[in-house]
Amino acid sequence: MNKLYDVLEICLQELENGVSLESILARYPDLANELRPILKASIKARSAAVSAPSPEAIRRGRAKLLQ
């Protein structure tokens, strides 16, 4: 099980660096069935993450607060 965690950490770093899911899974065929759902969930979570507000939105919010 420790191997899975070590490989998962590597895979998550590779995803963050832009490596495709299929390329990553091809490197670990013996763990692909276990890694696929975890990595897909990670991709989905990242795409759902809220980005920081724009500087313009922050400025408008401050202006409203000060009124």
PDB file of N, CA and C in Angstrom:
ATOM      1  N   MET A   1       0.817  -1.194   0.000  1.00  0.00           N
ATOM      2  CA  MET A   1       0.000   0.000   0.000  1.00  0.00           C
ATOM      3  C   MET A   1       0.862   1.260   0.000  1.00  0.00           C
ATOM      4  N   ASN A   2       2.018   1.199   0.635  1.00  0.00           N
ATOM      5  CA  ASN A   2       2.918   2.342   0.670  1.00  0.00           C
ATOM      6  C   ASN A   2       3.364   2.721  -0.734  1.00  0.00           C
ATOM      7  N   LYS A   3       3.539   1.726  -1.613  1.00  0.00           N
ATOM      8  CA  LYS A   3       3.932   1.989  -2.991  1.00  0.00           C
ATOM      9  C   LYS A   3       2.860   2.829  -3.688  1.00  0.00           C
ATOM     10  N   LEU A   4       1.602   2.519  -3.434  1.00  0.00           N
ATOM     11  CA  LEU A   4       0.511   3.269  -4.046  1.00  0.00           C
ATOM     12  C   LEU A   4       0.585   4.738  -3.652  1.00  0.00           C
ATOM     13  N   TYR A   5       0.819   5.034  -2.405  1.00  0.00           N
ATOM     14  CA  TYR A   5       0.906   6.417  -1.953  1.00  0.00           C
ATOM     15  C   TYR A   5       2.095   7.138  -2.579  1.00  0.00           C
ATOM     16  N   ASP A   6       3.208   6.455  -2.677  1.00  0.00           N
ATOM     17  CA  ASP A   6       4.394   7.054  -3.291  1.00  0.00           C
ATOM     18  C   ASP A   6       4.134   7.372  -4.768  1.00  0.00           C
ATOM     19  N   VAL A   7       3.550   6.419  -5.471  1.00  0.00           N
ATOM     20  CA  VAL A   7       3.248   6.615  -6.890  1.00  0.00           C
ATOM     21  C   VAL A   7       2.184   7.696  -7.053  1.00  0.00           C
ATOM     22  N   LEU A   8       1.187   7.716  -6.196  1.00  0.00           N
ATOM     23  CA  LEU A   8       0.136   8.727  -6.262  1.00  0.00           C
ATOM     24  C   LEU A   8       0.719  10.129  -6.127  1.00  0.00           C
ATOM     25  N   GLU A   9       1.634  10.301  -5.228  1.00  0.00           N
ATOM     26  CA  GLU A   9       2.268  11.607  -5.047  1.00  0.00           C
ATOM     27  C   GLU A   9       2.992  12.033  -6.329  1.00  0.00           C
ATOM     28  N   ILE A  10       3.697  11.110  -6.938  1.00  0.00           N
ATOM     29  CA  ILE A  10       4.398  11.392  -8.200  1.00  0.00           C
ATOM     30  C   ILE A  10       3.382  11.755  -9.283  1.00  0.00           C
ATOM     31  N   CYS A  11       2.311  10.989  -9.364  1.00  0.00           N
ATOM     32  CA  CYS A  11       1.290  11.220 -10.385  1.00  0.00           C
ATOM     33  C   CYS A  11       0.626  12.585 -10.226  1.00  0.00           C
ATOM     34  N   LEU A  12       0.331  12.960  -9.013  1.00  0.00           N
ATOM     35  CA  LEU A  12      -0.294  14.261  -8.773  1.00  0.00           C
ATOM     36  C   LEU A  12       0.640  15.401  -9.172  1.00  0.00           C
ATOM     37  N   GLN A  13       1.920  15.237  -8.910  1.00  0.00           N
ATOM     38  CA  GLN A  13       2.893  16.243  -9.326  1.00  0.00           C
ATOM     39  C   GLN A  13       2.963  16.317 -10.846  1.00  0.00           C
ATOM     40  N   GLU A  14       2.918  15.159 -11.501  1.00  0.00           N
ATOM     41  CA  GLU A  14       2.964  15.140 -12.949  1.00  0.00           C
ATOM     42  C   GLU A  14       1.716  15.799 -13.555  1.00  0.00           C
ATOM     43  N   LEU A  15       0.562  15.535 -12.973  1.00  0.00           N
ATOM     44  CA  LEU A  15      -0.659  16.199 -13.434  1.00  0.00           C
ATOM     45  C   LEU A  15      -0.530  17.715 -13.324  1.00  0.00           C
ATOM     46  N   GLU A  16       0.015  18.155 -12.212  1.00  0.00           N
ATOM     47  CA  GLU A  16       0.188  19.587 -11.991  1.00  0.00           C
ATOM     48  C   GLU A  16       1.149  20.193 -13.013  1.00  0.00           C
ATOM     49  N   ASN A  17       2.075  19.382 -13.493  1.00  0.00           N
ATOM     50  CA  ASN A  17       3.044  19.850 -14.486  1.00  0.00           C
ATOM     51  C   ASN A  17       2.531  19.703 -15.916  1.00  0.00           C
ATOM     52  N   GLY A  18       1.273  19.274 -16.070  1.00  0.00           N
ATOM     53  CA  GLY A  18       0.671  19.224 -17.394  1.00  0.00           C
ATOM     54  C   GLY A  18       0.761  17.897 -18.128  1.00  0.00           C
ATOM     55  N   VAL A  19       1.227  16.856 -17.475  1.00  0.00           N
ATOM     56  CA  VAL A  19       1.294  15.541 -18.106  1.00  0.00           C
ATOM     57  C   VAL A  19      -0.125  14.978 -18.176  1.00  0.00           C
ATOM     58  N   SER A  20      -0.463  14.353 -19.290  1.00  0.00           N
ATOM     59  CA  SER A  20      -1.824  13.837 -19.458  1.00  0.00           C
ATOM     60  C   SER A  20      -2.068  12.623 -18.561  1.00  0.00           C
ATOM     61  N   LEU A  21      -3.330  12.428 -18.222  1.00  0.00           N
ATOM     62  CA  LEU A  21      -3.725  11.308 -17.378  1.00  0.00           C
ATOM     63  C   LEU A  21      -3.311   9.974 -17.991  1.00  0.00           C
ATOM     64  N   GLU A  22      -3.574   9.819 -19.275  1.00  0.00           N
ATOM     65  CA  GLU A  22      -3.251   8.540 -19.933  1.00  0.00           C
ATOM     66  C   GLU A  22      -1.755   8.278 -19.966  1.00  0.00           C
ATOM     67  N   SER A  23      -0.954   9.312 -20.138  1.00  0.00           N
ATOM     68  CA  SER A  23       0.502   9.141 -20.117  1.00  0.00           C
ATOM     69  C   SER A  23       0.978   8.688 -18.743  1.00  0.00           C
ATOM     70  N   ILE A  24       0.382   9.275 -17.730  1.00  0.00           N
ATOM     71  CA  ILE A  24       0.757   8.904 -16.361  1.00  0.00           C
ATOM     72  C   ILE A  24       0.379   7.459 -16.084  1.00  0.00           C
ATOM     73  N   LEU A  25      -0.860   7.096 -16.427  1.00  0.00           N
ATOM     74  CA  LEU A  25      -1.324   5.731 -16.157  1.00  0.00           C
ATOM     75  C   LEU A  25      -0.527   4.696 -16.942  1.00  0.00           C
ATOM     76  N   ALA A  26      -0.056   5.054 -18.122  1.00  0.00           N
ATOM     77  CA  ALA A  26       0.743   4.129 -18.924  1.00  0.00           C
ATOM     78  C   ALA A  26       2.064   3.796 -18.237  1.00  0.00           C
ATOM     79  N   ARG A  27       2.544   4.687 -17.409  1.00  0.00           N
ATOM     80  CA  ARG A  27       3.802   4.447 -16.683  1.00  0.00           C
ATOM     81  C   ARG A  27       3.624   3.462 -15.522  1.00  0.00           C
ATOM     82  N   TYR A  28       2.385   3.346 -15.055  1.00  0.00           N
ATOM     83  CA  TYR A  28       2.099   2.485 -13.895  1.00  0.00           C
ATOM     84  C   TYR A  28       0.940   1.543 -14.205  1.00  0.00           C
ATOM     85  N   PRO A  29       1.099   0.655 -15.173  1.00  0.00           N
ATOM     86  CA  PRO A  29      -0.027  -0.207 -15.575  1.00  0.00           C
ATOM     87  C   PRO A  29      -0.524  -1.117 -14.455  1.00  0.00           C
ATOM     88  N   ASP A  30       0.355  -1.511 -13.552  1.00  0.00           N
ATOM     89  CA  ASP A  30      -0.063  -2.385 -12.447  1.00  0.00           C
ATOM     90  C   ASP A  30      -0.926  -1.667 -11.418  1.00  0.00           C
ATOM     91  N   LEU A  31      -0.867  -0.333 -11.392  1.00  0.00           N
ATOM     92  CA  LEU A  31      -1.653   0.453 -10.429  1.00  0.00           C
ATOM     93  C   LEU A  31      -2.720   1.313 -11.111  1.00  0.00           C
ATOM     94  N   ALA A  32      -2.823   1.213 -12.428  1.00  0.00           N
ATOM     95  CA  ALA A  32      -3.707   2.093 -13.187  1.00  0.00           C
ATOM     96  C   ALA A  32      -5.156   2.029 -12.712  1.00  0.00           C
ATOM     97  N   ASN A  33      -5.655   0.843 -12.416  1.00  0.00           N
ATOM     98  CA  ASN A  33      -7.059   0.712 -11.983  1.00  0.00           C
ATOM     99  C   ASN A  33      -7.317   1.411 -10.660  1.00  0.00           C
ATOM    100  N   GLU A  34      -6.320   1.447  -9.795  1.00  0.00           N
ATOM    101  CA  GLU A  34      -6.475   2.130  -8.512  1.00  0.00           C
ATOM    102  C   GLU A  34      -6.238   3.635  -8.652  1.00  0.00           C
ATOM    103  N   LEU A  35      -5.299   4.008  -9.515  1.00  0.00           N
ATOM    104  CA  LEU A  35      -4.945   5.417  -9.662  1.00  0.00           C
ATOM    105  C   LEU A  35      -5.975   6.222 -10.447  1.00  0.00           C
ATOM    106  N   ARG A  36      -6.575   5.600 -11.458  1.00  0.00           N
ATOM    107  CA  ARG A  36      -7.465   6.334 -12.367  1.00  0.00           C
ATOM    108  C   ARG A  36      -8.560   7.112 -11.626  1.00  0.00           C
ATOM    109  N   PRO A  37      -9.352   6.494 -10.751  1.00  0.00           N
ATOM    110  CA  PRO A  37     -10.425   7.274 -10.100  1.00  0.00           C
ATOM    111  C   PRO A  37      -9.894   8.382  -9.190  1.00  0.00           C
ATOM    112  N   ILE A  38      -8.776   8.148  -8.558  1.00  0.00           N
ATOM    113  CA  ILE A  38      -8.196   9.168  -7.677  1.00  0.00           C
ATOM    114  C   ILE A  38      -7.711  10.351  -8.496  1.00  0.00           C
ATOM    115  N   LEU A  39      -7.027  10.064  -9.596  1.00  0.00           N
ATOM    116  CA  LEU A  39      -6.495  11.136 -10.429  1.00  0.00           C
ATOM    117  C   LEU A  39      -7.604  11.891 -11.143  1.00  0.00           C
ATOM    118  N   LYS A  40      -8.649  11.174 -11.571  1.00  0.00           N
ATOM    119  CA  LYS A  40      -9.789  11.850 -12.190  1.00  0.00           C
ATOM    120  C   LYS A  40     -10.459  12.795 -11.197  1.00  0.00           C
ATOM    121  N   ALA A  41     -10.588  12.365  -9.960  1.00  0.00           N
ATOM    122  CA  ALA A  41     -11.180  13.214  -8.923  1.00  0.00           C
ATOM    123  C   ALA A  41     -10.311  14.449  -8.694  1.00  0.00           C
ATOM    124  N   SER A  42      -9.016  14.275  -8.738  1.00  0.00           N
ATOM    125  CA  SER A  42      -8.099  15.399  -8.565  1.00  0.00           C
ATOM    126  C   SER A  42      -8.252  16.404  -9.702  1.00  0.00           C
ATOM    127  N   ILE A  43      -8.356  15.904 -10.926  1.00  0.00           N
ATOM    128  CA  ILE A  43      -8.542  16.776 -12.088  1.00  0.00           C
ATOM    129  C   ILE A  43      -9.855  17.542 -11.964  1.00  0.00           C
ATOM    130  N   LYS A  44     -10.899  16.845 -11.577  1.00  0.00           N
ATOM    131  CA  LYS A  44     -12.216  17.483 -11.439  1.00  0.00           C
ATOM    132  C   LYS A  44     -12.198  18.549 -10.339  1.00  0.00           C
ATOM    133  N   ALA A  45     -11.537  18.246  -9.235  1.00  0.00           N
ATOM    134  CA  ALA A  45     -11.463  19.201  -8.128  1.00  0.00           C
ATOM    135  C   ALA A  45     -10.699  20.453  -8.544  1.00  0.00           C
ATOM    136  N   ARG A  46      -9.634  20.272  -9.286  1.00  0.00           N
ATOM    137  CA  ARG A  46      -8.859  21.434  -9.731  1.00  0.00           C
ATOM    138  C   ARG A  46      -9.653  22.307 -10.690  1.00  0.00           C
ATOM    139  N   SER A  47     -10.428  21.672 -11.552  1.00  0.00           N
ATOM    140  CA  SER A  47     -11.200  22.453 -12.515  1.00  0.00           C
ATOM    141  C   SER A  47     -12.359  23.180 -11.843  1.00  0.00           C
ATOM    142  N   ALA A  48     -12.802  22.691 -10.707  1.00  0.00           N
ATOM    143  CA  ALA A  48     -13.902  23.325  -9.979  1.00  0.00           C
ATOM    144  C   ALA A  48     -13.419  24.391  -9.006  1.00  0.00           C
ATOM    145  N   ALA A  49     -12.121  24.486  -8.825  1.00  0.00           N
ATOM    146  CA  ALA A  49     -11.571  25.444  -7.869  1.00  0.00           C
ATOM    147  C   ALA A  49     -11.899  26.864  -8.309  1.00  0.00           C
ATOM    148  N   VAL A  50     -12.186  27.689  -7.347  1.00  0.00           N
ATOM    149  CA  VAL A  50     -12.528  29.084  -7.612  1.00  0.00           C
ATOM    150  C   VAL A  50     -11.239  29.885  -7.694  1.00  0.00           C
ATOM    151  N   SER A  51     -11.136  30.690  -8.726  1.00  0.00           N
ATOM    152  CA  SER A  51      -9.949  31.528  -8.866  1.00  0.00           C
ATOM    153  C   SER A  51     -10.096  32.778  -8.011  1.00  0.00           C
ATOM    154  N   ALA A  52      -8.985  33.423  -7.791  1.00  0.00           N
ATOM    155  CA  ALA A  52      -8.981  34.649  -6.991  1.00  0.00           C
ATOM    156  C   ALA A  52      -9.720  35.748  -7.750  1.00  0.00           C
ATOM    157  N   PRO A  53     -10.366  36.641  -7.020  1.00  0.00           N
ATOM    158  CA  PRO A  53     -11.076  37.736  -7.692  1.00  0.00           C
ATOM    159  C   PRO A  53     -10.089  38.660  -8.396  1.00  0.00           C
ATOM    160  N   SER A  54     -10.550  39.300  -9.445  1.00  0.00           N
ATOM    161  CA  SER A  54      -9.707  40.227 -10.189  1.00  0.00           C
ATOM    162  C   SER A  54      -9.445  41.470  -9.333  1.00  0.00           C
ATOM    163  N   PRO A  55      -8.377  42.189  -9.635  1.00  0.00           N
ATOM    164  CA  PRO A  55      -8.113  43.431  -8.891  1.00  0.00           C
ATOM    165  C   PRO A  55      -9.270  44.428  -9.001  1.00  0.00           C
ATOM    166  N   GLU A  56      -9.946  44.437 -10.141  1.00  0.00           N
ATOM    167  CA  GLU A  56     -11.096  45.331 -10.328  1.00  0.00           C
ATOM    168  C   GLU A  56     -12.231  44.947  -9.386  1.00  0.00           C
ATOM    169  N   ALA A  57     -12.486  43.665  -9.237  1.00  0.00           N
ATOM    170  CA  ALA A  57     -13.547  43.213  -8.330  1.00  0.00           C
ATOM    171  C   ALA A  57     -13.205  43.560  -6.890  1.00  0.00           C
ATOM    172  N   ILE A  58     -11.960  43.442  -6.529  1.00  0.00           N
ATOM    173  CA  ILE A  58     -11.527  43.809  -5.171  1.00  0.00           C
ATOM    174  C   ILE A  58     -11.726  45.305  -4.948  1.00  0.00           C
ATOM    175  N   ARG A  59     -11.361  46.115  -5.939  1.00  0.00           N
ATOM    176  CA  ARG A  59     -11.511  47.566  -5.823  1.00  0.00           C
ATOM    177  C   ARG A  59     -12.974  47.954  -5.658  1.00  0.00           C
ATOM    178  N   ARG A  60     -13.856  47.348  -6.454  1.00  0.00           N
ATOM    179  CA  ARG A  60     -15.299  47.642  -6.342  1.00  0.00           C
ATOM    180  C   ARG A  60     -15.822  47.234  -4.979  1.00  0.00           C
ATOM    181  N   GLY A  61     -15.387  46.084  -4.487  1.00  0.00           N
ATOM    182  CA  GLY A  61     -15.841  45.619  -3.183  1.00  0.00           C
ATOM    183  C   GLY A  61     -15.409  46.559  -2.073  1.00  0.00           C
ATOM    184  N   ARG A  62     -14.178  47.033  -2.143  1.00  0.00           N
ATOM    185  CA  ARG A  62     -13.691  47.998  -1.141  1.00  0.00           C
ATOM    186  C   ARG A  62     -14.485  49.296  -1.208  1.00  0.00           C
ATOM    187  N   ALA A  63     -14.745  49.742  -2.431  1.00  0.00           N
ATOM    188  CA  ALA A  63     -15.499  50.990  -2.599  1.00  0.00           C
ATOM    189  C   ALA A  63     -16.881  50.862  -2.001  1.00  0.00           C
ATOM    190  N   LYS A  64     -17.549  49.740  -2.225  1.00  0.00           N
ATOM    191  CA  LYS A  64     -18.880  49.529  -1.652  1.00  0.00           C
ATOM    192  C   LYS A  64     -18.818  49.481  -0.142  1.00  0.00           C
ATOM    193  N   LEU A  65     -17.806  48.841   0.381  1.00  0.00           N
ATOM    194  CA  LEU A  65     -17.660  48.724   1.827  1.00  0.00           C
ATOM    195  C   LEU A  65     -17.465  50.099   2.459  1.00  0.00           C
ATOM    196  N   LEU A  66     -16.683  50.932   1.830  1.00  0.00           N
ATOM    197  CA  LEU A  66     -16.402  52.255   2.380  1.00  0.00           C
ATOM    198  C   LEU A  66     -17.587  53.212   2.264  1.00  0.00           C
ATOM    199  N   GLN A  67     -18.548  52.906   1.389  1.00  0.00           N
ATOM    200  CA  GLN A  67     -19.719  53.776   1.247  1.00  0.00           C
ATOM    201  C   GLN A  67     -20.561  53.584   2.435  1.00  0.00           C
TER     202      GLN A  67
END
